[in-house]
Amino acid sequence: MNSWIGRDINEFVRKYGPPTTTLKLPNGNTLYSYTTDREQAFQQPIYVNESRNRRGEKRTVITGGGTIVNRDFCEINVEFDRSREIQSWRYEGDSPRNCKIKSLPKTLQKQLQKDGILP
């Protein structure tokens, strides 16, 4: 991504597609964000453990059955100035190694992998 600094934002958009959101900054620059934010709920398996004590009495313990929510948040921000020149970029996410950014353009995913941000 560092290779994009100083280059035209239009070139970036042509390669990676339109941003998810756009923000005008107080300094006059603009921020393009490419974001994925997903939640997946998984039902935890139910485990039944039966045992008997020394007197032969049966004891049953039931565990699990709850819902586990897995959240995946990733964001790439690209800032450019009034001349449309890219000034900086930033990655934010739960964990670069665990972030599933499949909703981002494939070419952007490959660039992040090349830069060592994603596996």
Protein backbone atom coordinates (compact mmCIF):
# COMPACT_ATOMS: atom_id res chain seq x y z
CA MET A 1 0.00 0.00 0.00
CA ASN A 2 2.93 2.37 0.57
CA SER A 3 3.53 2.34 -3.18
CA TRP A 4 0.24 4.25 -3.58
CA ILE A 5 1.42 7.30 -1.64
CA GLY A 6 1.76 10.23 -4.07
CA ARG A 7 -0.36 8.57 -6.75
CA ASP A 8 -3.77 9.70 -8.02
CA ILE A 9 -6.83 8.49 -6.10
CA ASN A 10 -8.70 7.93 -9.38
CA GLU A 11 -6.10 5.34 -10.35
CA PHE A 12 -6.64 3.63 -6.96
CA VAL A 13 -10.44 3.56 -7.42
CA ARG A 14 -10.13 2.23 -10.98
CA LYS A 15 -8.01 -0.64 -9.66
CA TYR A 16 -9.83 -1.44 -6.38
CA GLY A 17 -13.35 -0.19 -6.97
CA PRO A 18 -15.48 2.41 -5.21
CA PRO A 19 -15.12 2.95 -1.47
CA THR A 20 -17.70 1.83 1.07
CA THR A 21 -17.83 5.34 2.56
CA THR A 22 -16.35 8.78 1.95
CA LEU A 23 -15.50 11.42 4.57
CA LYS A 24 -14.43 15.03 4.05
CA LEU A 25 -11.76 15.90 6.65
CA PRO A 26 -11.40 19.31 8.36
CA ASN A 27 -8.03 19.86 6.65
CA GLY A 28 -9.73 19.69 3.24
CA ASN A 29 -8.53 16.16 2.47
CA THR A 30 -10.90 13.29 1.75
CA LEU A 31 -10.88 9.82 3.27
CA TYR A 32 -12.08 6.78 1.32
CA SER A 33 -12.90 3.74 3.45
CA TYR A 34 -13.19 0.16 2.29
CA THR A 35 -14.98 -1.71 5.06
CA THR A 36 -16.36 -5.10 5.97
CA ASP A 37 -18.28 -5.59 9.21
CA ARG A 38 -20.00 -8.94 9.71
CA GLU A 39 -21.35 -10.89 12.62
CA GLN A 40 -21.98 -14.61 12.54
CA ALA A 41 -23.82 -16.43 15.29
CA PHE A 42 -23.02 -20.04 16.02
CA GLN A 43 -24.97 -22.34 18.28
CA GLN A 44 -22.67 -24.01 20.74
CA PRO A 45 -23.07 -27.81 20.88
CA ILE A 46 -24.79 -29.30 23.90
CA TYR A 47 -22.76 -31.77 25.89
CA VAL A 48 -24.37 -34.24 28.29
CA ASN A 49 -22.03 -35.83 30.79
CA GLU A 50 -23.42 -38.55 33.00
CA SER A 51 -21.52 -40.08 35.86
CA ARG A 52 -22.20 -42.15 38.97
CA ASN A 53 -20.81 -41.58 42.41
CA ARG A 54 -19.59 -44.36 44.73
CA ARG A 55 -23.10 -44.97 46.01
CA GLY A 56 -24.33 -45.54 42.45
CA GLU A 57 -26.29 -42.32 42.24
CA LYS A 58 -26.43 -40.92 38.73
CA ARG A 59 -25.35 -37.33 38.13
CA THR A 60 -26.05 -35.55 34.83
CA VAL A 61 -24.30 -32.32 33.82
CA ILE A 62 -25.49 -30.48 30.71
CA THR A 63 -23.24 -27.78 29.26
CA GLY A 64 -23.23 -25.66 26.11
CA GLY A 65 -26.21 -24.73 24.01
CA GLY A 66 -25.42 -21.03 24.11
CA THR A 67 -24.87 -18.73 21.17
CA ILE A 68 -21.38 -17.61 20.23
CA VAL A 69 -21.10 -14.45 18.12
CA ASN A 70 -18.07 -14.08 15.88
CA ARG A 71 -17.49 -10.52 14.66
CA ASP A 72 -15.28 -9.68 11.71
CA PHE A 73 -14.41 -6.00 11.24
CA CYS A 74 -11.81 -4.69 8.81
CA GLU A 75 -11.28 -1.25 7.33
CA ILE A 76 -8.75 0.25 4.92
CA ASN A 77 -8.66 4.07 4.87
CA VAL A 78 -7.01 5.99 2.05
CA GLU A 79 -6.54 9.76 2.48
CA PHE A 80 -5.97 12.09 -0.45
CA ASP A 81 -5.65 15.85 -0.84
CA ARG A 82 -7.35 18.44 -3.08
CA SER A 83 -4.99 17.60 -5.93
CA ARG A 84 -6.32 13.99 -5.68
CA GLU A 85 -2.88 12.75 -4.56
CA ILE A 86 -2.87 9.92 -1.99
CA GLN A 87 -1.28 11.16 1.25
CA SER A 88 -1.62 8.15 3.55
CA TRP A 89 -3.39 4.88 4.21
CA ARG A 90 -4.33 3.00 7.36
CA TYR A 91 -5.55 -0.47 8.24
CA GLU A 92 -7.86 -1.11 11.18
CA GLY A 93 -9.42 -4.39 12.17
CA ASP A 94 -9.94 -7.09 14.73
CA SER A 95 -6.74 -8.84 13.66
CA PRO A 96 -5.03 -8.62 10.28
CA ARG A 97 -4.25 -12.33 10.37
CA ASN A 98 -7.84 -13.34 11.18
CA CYS A 99 -9.68 -10.68 9.22
CA LYS A 100 -11.83 -12.03 6.41
CA ILE A 101 -12.06 -9.15 4.00
CA LYS A 102 -13.63 -11.05 1.13
CA SER A 103 -16.09 -8.22 0.56
CA LEU A 104 -13.15 -5.97 -0.33
CA PRO A 105 -11.99 -5.99 -3.95
CA LYS A 106 -9.77 -9.01 -4.74
CA THR A 107 -6.98 -6.79 -6.03
CA LEU A 108 -6.95 -4.88 -2.71
CA GLN A 109 -6.80 -8.19 -0.81
CA LYS A 110 -3.79 -9.24 -2.89
CA GLN A 111 -2.02 -5.92 -2.25
CA LEU A 112 -2.55 -6.31 1.52
CA GLN A 113 -1.17 -9.85 1.34
CA LYS A 114 1.83 -8.63 -0.69
CA ASP A 115 2.51 -5.95 1.94
CA GLY A 116 2.38 -8.58 4.69
CA ILE A 117 -0.70 -7.12 6.38
CA LEU A 118 -2.83 -10.17 5.61
CA PRO A 119 -1.72 -13.80 5.26
